[in-house]
Protein backbone atom coordinates (compact mmCIF):
# COMPACT_ATOMS: atom_id res chain seq x y z
CA MET A 1 -37.94 -22.04 -15.40
CA ARG A 2 -34.56 -21.17 -16.95
CA ALA A 3 -35.53 -17.31 -17.32
CA LYS A 4 -35.53 -16.96 -13.59
CA PHE A 5 -32.60 -18.79 -12.60
CA ASP A 6 -31.07 -16.75 -14.79
CA LEU A 7 -32.44 -14.32 -13.36
CA ARG A 8 -31.46 -15.23 -9.22
CA VAL A 9 -27.84 -16.02 -11.12
CA LYS A 10 -27.52 -12.22 -12.41
CA PHE A 11 -28.90 -10.45 -9.40
CA LEU A 12 -26.16 -12.97 -6.93
CA LEU A 13 -23.51 -12.32 -9.87
CA LEU A 14 -24.46 -8.37 -9.38
CA VAL A 15 -24.54 -8.46 -4.74
CA THR A 16 -21.15 -10.07 -5.48
CA ILE A 17 -19.64 -7.66 -7.76
CA SER A 18 -20.85 -5.17 -5.45
CA PHE A 19 -19.31 -6.04 -2.64
CA LEU A 20 -15.98 -6.54 -3.72
CA VAL A 21 -15.92 -3.32 -4.82
CA ILE A 22 -17.35 -1.99 -1.30
CA ILE A 23 -14.60 -4.39 0.67
CA SER A 24 -12.12 -3.43 -1.50
CA LEU A 25 -12.00 0.80 -1.53
CA ILE A 26 -12.49 -0.09 2.89
CA TYR A 27 -9.34 -2.51 2.23
CA ILE A 28 -8.00 0.26 1.11
CA PHE A 29 -8.62 3.12 2.84
CA THR A 30 -8.13 1.11 6.15
CA LYS A 31 -4.77 0.63 4.31
CA ASN A 32 -3.85 3.58 4.61
CA GLU A 33 -4.45 4.50 8.25
CA ILE A 34 -4.12 1.59 10.06
CA ARG A 35 -0.21 1.74 8.31
CA ASN A 36 -0.04 5.44 9.29
CA PHE A 37 -1.26 4.62 12.56
CA PHE A 38 1.29 2.28 13.34
CA ILE A 39 3.74 4.25 11.76
CA GLU A 40 2.76 7.39 14.02
CA ARG A 41 2.94 4.57 17.15
CA THR A 42 6.19 3.31 16.21
CA LYS A 43 7.97 6.79 16.00
CA GLU A 44 5.96 7.77 19.71
CA ILE A 45 7.63 4.50 20.85
CA PHE A 46 11.48 5.45 19.56
CA SER A 47 11.07 8.62 21.47
CA GLU A 48 10.07 7.62 24.69
CA GLN A 49 12.66 4.69 24.46
CA ILE A 50 15.32 7.77 23.90
CA GLN A 51 14.50 10.25 25.81
CA ASN A 52 14.67 7.40 28.71
CA ASN A 53 18.25 7.14 27.59
CA ALA A 54 18.70 10.26 27.92
CA LYS A 55 17.77 10.55 31.18
CA ASP A 56 20.45 7.55 32.59
CA PHE A 57 23.58 9.50 30.41
CA PHE A 58 22.46 12.96 31.26
CA ASN A 59 21.26 14.74 34.74
CA LEU A 60 18.01 16.27 32.74
CA ASN A 61 17.29 17.98 36.34
CA GLN A 62 20.06 20.00 35.67
CA GLN A 63 20.61 23.87 33.37
CA TYR A 64 23.32 22.51 31.35
CA SER A 65 24.02 22.21 27.50
CA LEU A 66 24.07 19.45 25.67
CA LYS A 67 27.07 20.99 23.90
CA ILE A 68 29.06 21.13 27.17
CA SER A 69 28.33 17.58 28.89
CA GLY A 70 30.37 14.83 27.98
CA ASN A 71 28.93 10.51 27.37
CA TYR A 72 27.80 10.98 23.79
CA LYS A 73 29.26 8.06 22.48
CA GLU A 74 28.03 5.92 25.22
CA PHE A 75 24.69 7.88 25.09
CA ILE A 76 24.56 6.95 20.67
CA ASP A 77 26.17 4.20 21.34
CA SER A 78 22.69 3.01 23.50
CA ILE A 79 20.12 4.74 21.55
CA GLU A 80 21.70 2.42 18.95
CA GLU A 81 21.38 -0.68 21.55
CA ILE A 82 17.34 0.20 21.07
CA PRO A 83 16.12 -2.32 18.65
CA GLY A 84 15.39 -0.95 15.10
CA ILE A 85 17.38 2.42 15.65
CA THR A 86 19.94 3.95 13.40
CA ASP A 87 22.50 5.81 12.28
CA VAL A 88 22.04 8.84 14.99
CA LYS A 89 22.81 11.55 15.09
CA LEU A 90 23.23 14.74 18.22
CA ILE A 91 22.58 18.36 18.14
CA ASP A 92 22.81 20.68 20.38
CA PRO A 93 19.73 23.35 20.88
CA ASN A 94 21.47 25.98 18.50
CA GLY A 95 20.85 22.86 15.16
CA ILE A 96 24.96 21.91 15.63
CA ILE A 97 25.14 18.52 14.96
CA ILE A 98 27.61 17.51 17.91
CA PHE A 99 27.81 13.89 17.60
CA SER A 100 27.54 11.22 14.60
CA SER A 101 28.40 7.90 13.33
CA SER A 102 29.17 10.37 9.92
CA ILE A 103 32.28 12.32 10.96
CA THR A 104 31.82 14.66 8.12
CA ASP A 105 28.66 15.53 9.90
CA ILE A 106 30.14 16.95 13.00
CA GLY A 107 30.04 20.66 13.34
CA SER A 108 27.76 21.69 10.82
CA SER A 109 24.30 23.15 10.76
CA VAL A 110 20.54 22.05 10.90
CA SER A 111 19.03 24.95 12.49
CA LYS A 112 16.89 25.94 8.78
CA ASP A 113 15.57 22.64 8.33
CA SER A 114 11.64 22.33 9.82
CA SER A 115 12.08 18.87 11.86
CA PHE A 116 14.75 21.30 14.19
CA SER A 117 12.34 23.66 14.55
CA SER A 118 9.84 21.19 15.38
CA ALA A 119 11.31 19.18 17.48
CA ILE A 120 13.58 22.25 19.29
CA ASN A 121 9.32 23.41 20.22
CA GLY A 122 9.41 20.11 21.95
CA GLU A 123 7.60 17.77 19.33
CA THR A 124 8.85 14.72 17.23
CA LYS A 125 9.10 15.22 13.78
CA LEU A 126 8.92 12.58 11.18
CA ASP A 127 10.38 13.65 8.07
CA ASN A 128 10.41 10.99 5.70
CA ILE A 129 9.47 7.53 5.37
CA ASP A 130 11.29 5.09 2.69
CA TYR A 131 7.96 2.13 1.73
CA GLU A 132 11.27 0.44 0.12
CA LYS A 133 13.65 -0.43 2.88
CA ASN A 134 10.95 -0.26 5.57
CA ILE A 135 13.19 2.81 7.27
CA LEU A 136 11.46 5.97 8.88
CA ASN A 137 14.25 8.90 9.89
CA PHE A 138 12.47 10.99 12.37
CA THR A 139 14.39 13.83 14.36
CA THR A 140 12.74 13.75 18.79
CA PRO A 141 14.00 16.29 21.54
CA ILE A 142 15.60 15.18 24.38
CA LYS A 143 13.92 17.02 27.67
CA SER A 144 14.24 18.27 30.95
CA SER A 145 12.10 17.05 33.87
CA ASP A 146 10.30 20.98 33.48
CA GLY A 147 9.72 20.53 29.77
CA GLU A 148 12.70 22.27 28.45
CA VAL A 149 14.49 20.86 25.39
CA ARG A 150 18.23 20.01 25.73
CA GLY A 151 19.39 18.64 22.47
CA ILE A 152 17.93 16.91 19.47
CA VAL A 153 18.85 13.01 18.44
CA ARG A 154 17.10 12.56 14.94
CA ALA A 155 18.33 8.83 13.60
CA LYS A 156 16.86 5.96 11.65
CA GLY A 157 13.73 3.37 12.51
CA LEU A 158 12.48 0.68 11.01
CA LEU A 159 9.06 0.04 10.25
CA SER A 160 9.34 -3.98 10.50
CA GLY A 161 6.96 -4.49 13.72
CA ALA A 162 4.99 -1.25 12.26
CA ILE A 163 3.94 -3.29 8.69
CA ASP A 164 3.34 -5.98 10.70
CA GLN A 165 1.32 -4.61 12.76
CA THR A 166 -0.50 -3.63 10.31
CA ASN A 167 -0.65 -6.76 8.09
CA TYR A 168 -1.98 -8.45 10.88
CA TYR A 169 -4.61 -6.40 11.50
CA LEU A 170 -5.17 -5.63 7.77
CA ILE A 171 -6.07 -9.93 7.80
CA LYS A 172 -8.36 -10.17 10.33
CA ILE A 173 -10.67 -6.64 8.85
CA ILE A 174 -10.19 -9.33 5.61
CA ILE A 175 -11.17 -11.85 6.82
CA ILE A 176 -14.58 -10.45 9.18
CA LEU A 177 -15.44 -8.19 5.66
CA SER A 178 -15.72 -11.83 3.98
CA SER A 179 -17.70 -13.24 5.86
CA VAL A 180 -20.38 -10.51 6.46
CA SER A 181 -20.03 -10.03 2.38
CA PHE A 182 -20.83 -14.37 2.44
CA ILE A 183 -23.71 -13.98 5.54
CA TYR A 184 -25.12 -10.64 3.31
CA ILE A 185 -25.12 -12.21 -0.13
CA LEU A 186 -26.23 -16.06 1.11
CA ILE A 187 -29.45 -13.46 2.50
CA SER A 188 -29.58 -11.39 -0.01
CA TYR A 189 -29.62 -14.87 -2.21
CA ILE A 190 -33.02 -16.36 0.22
CA ILE A 191 -34.61 -13.88 0.46
CA PHE A 192 -34.98 -13.01 -3.23
CA SER A 193 -35.50 -16.84 -3.91
CA ASN A 194 -38.53 -16.68 -1.97
CA ALA A 195 -39.44 -13.67 -3.59
CA SER A 196 -39.12 -14.83 -6.64
CA LYS A 197 -40.54 -18.25 -5.84
CA SER A 198 -43.38 -16.15 -4.91
CA ILE A 199 -44.06 -14.19 -7.20
CA GLU A 200 -44.18 -17.78 -9.60
CA GLU A 201 -46.36 -19.68 -7.34
CA GLN A 202 -48.64 -15.95 -8.23
CA ASP A 203 -47.94 -15.81 -11.65
CA ARG A 204 -49.17 -19.59 -11.51
CA SER A 205 -51.76 -19.34 -9.37
CA ILE A 206 -53.49 -16.45 -12.05
CA THR A 207 -52.69 -18.64 -15.12
CA ASP A 208 -54.90 -21.27 -13.29
CA LYS A 209 -57.68 -19.38 -12.49
CA SER A 210 -57.28 -17.48 -15.67
CA LYS A 211 -57.47 -20.40 -17.74
CA ALA A 212 -60.56 -22.00 -15.42
CA LEU A 213 -62.04 -19.05 -16.36
CA GLU A 214 -61.85 -19.21 -19.98
CA GLU A 215 -62.61 -22.84 -19.75
CA GLU A 216 -66.21 -21.85 -18.30
CA ARG A 217 -66.85 -18.81 -20.89
CA GLU A 218 -66.36 -21.47 -23.28
CA LEU A 219 -68.19 -23.82 -21.75
CA ASP A 220 -71.03 -21.79 -21.57
CA GLU A 221 -70.94 -20.46 -24.63
CA ALA A 222 -71.32 -24.25 -25.66
CA ILE A 223 -74.30 -24.16 -23.47
CA MET A 224 -76.05 -21.02 -24.53
CA ALA A 225 -75.41 -22.15 -28.60
CA SER A 226 -77.37 -25.42 -28.08
CA VAL A 227 -79.57 -23.89 -26.69
CA ALA A 228 -82.96 -23.73 -29.17
CA GLU A 229 -84.86 -20.68 -27.78
CA SER A 230 -83.20 -16.87 -27.49
CA LEU A 231 -81.78 -16.67 -24.09
CA ILE A 232 -80.51 -13.70 -23.03
CA VAL A 233 -78.43 -13.25 -19.21
CA ILE A 234 -78.66 -9.84 -17.40
CA ASN A 235 -76.54 -9.02 -14.20
CA LYS A 236 -78.34 -7.64 -10.98
CA ASP A 237 -76.82 -3.75 -12.68
CA GLY A 238 -79.03 -4.57 -15.56
CA GLN A 239 -76.58 -5.53 -17.68
CA ILE A 240 -76.84 -7.83 -21.22
CA VAL A 241 -73.43 -10.75 -19.78
CA LEU A 242 -75.20 -13.55 -22.31
CA PHE A 243 -76.78 -13.48 -25.68
CA ASN A 244 -77.52 -16.99 -27.85
CA PRO A 245 -77.45 -17.24 -31.28
CA GLU A 246 -81.24 -17.34 -31.46
CA ALA A 247 -80.90 -14.10 -28.90
CA GLU A 248 -79.17 -12.41 -32.01
CA LYS A 249 -81.02 -13.85 -35.21
CA ILE A 250 -84.77 -12.65 -32.83
CA THR A 251 -83.42 -8.85 -32.09
CA GLY A 252 -81.26 -8.37 -34.64
CA HIS A 253 -78.23 -8.09 -32.29
CA LYS A 254 -74.38 -9.64 -32.20
CA LEU A 255 -73.41 -10.50 -29.15
CA ASP A 256 -70.59 -7.63 -29.49
CA GLU A 257 -73.33 -5.09 -30.45
CA VAL A 258 -74.48 -5.65 -26.30
CA GLU A 259 -72.61 -6.86 -23.84
CA TYR A 260 -72.06 -4.93 -20.89
CA ARG A 261 -75.21 -2.53 -22.28
CA LEU A 262 -77.90 -2.32 -20.52
CA TYR A 263 -80.76 -4.24 -21.77
CA LYS A 264 -83.42 -1.03 -21.35
CA LYS A 265 -81.85 0.21 -24.00
CA ILE A 266 -81.77 -2.88 -26.39
CA LEU A 267 -84.74 -4.79 -26.29
CA ILE A 268 -88.49 -4.24 -25.40
CA PHE A 269 -90.96 -6.66 -24.34
CA CYS A 270 -94.21 -6.20 -24.75
CA ASP A 271 -97.66 -8.56 -23.61
CA LYS A 272 -99.96 -11.07 -25.62
CA GLU A 273 -101.34 -8.36 -26.82
CA GLY A 274 -98.59 -6.14 -28.03
CA LYS A 275 -98.61 -3.83 -24.81
CA GLU A 276 -95.35 -2.30 -24.07
CA LEU A 277 -93.81 -4.02 -20.66
CA ARG A 278 -92.77 -0.95 -18.15
């Protein structure tokens, strides 16, 4: 019984470990996917907010270059008022920084940067991410209503919101996976326990039947041995199944020699006159 119990414990432990491994793998891959999704979403939100602010300060429906337009300081201030955005640089379509919080950057060219090439083609580019400080660096275009790029903004954005959302959904995923795992392990244990009990009952039934058959055989043998005359029992197929000691004396055959053999090949029956019976 103890061996059966130990087997159930081993099974439960195996299922638990397997599910923990699966949950860990799902968590690792899901974490990266969710984090990347919210980082990308944060970048797009920053880009949309900057584009909306640009419309307030520049008439983007007219043909002009940011290089000859004013209101740079006010425009930069309006962008830095957006929660999470800092260190803003304004770049004209030629790749020249025309405004920056760092004076040394003004006038320098970024036209060879891959992020500038992406932005000038109308795509917001995620430059890099500092996970220790939870900051992303991105470059986004300022477009007119007809989709033409009029200028480019490069800035830093805080990822605190994206990280918070990632952690929130990861906690929900962990709770769901843990609940599913617990239910699965519980159901598996119940099924395994019931199967084990069924097998135990079958084993017990077989053992009881074998014991009963053995006792019945011993009783038959005891009866056979106690009979004073020769006693031979033959089944429907003509095979010898019982052969008492008196029969052994008369025939000269032992039980183990004749058991389950055809009686016609072992015994010859004669009438009173000694003629062989057929």
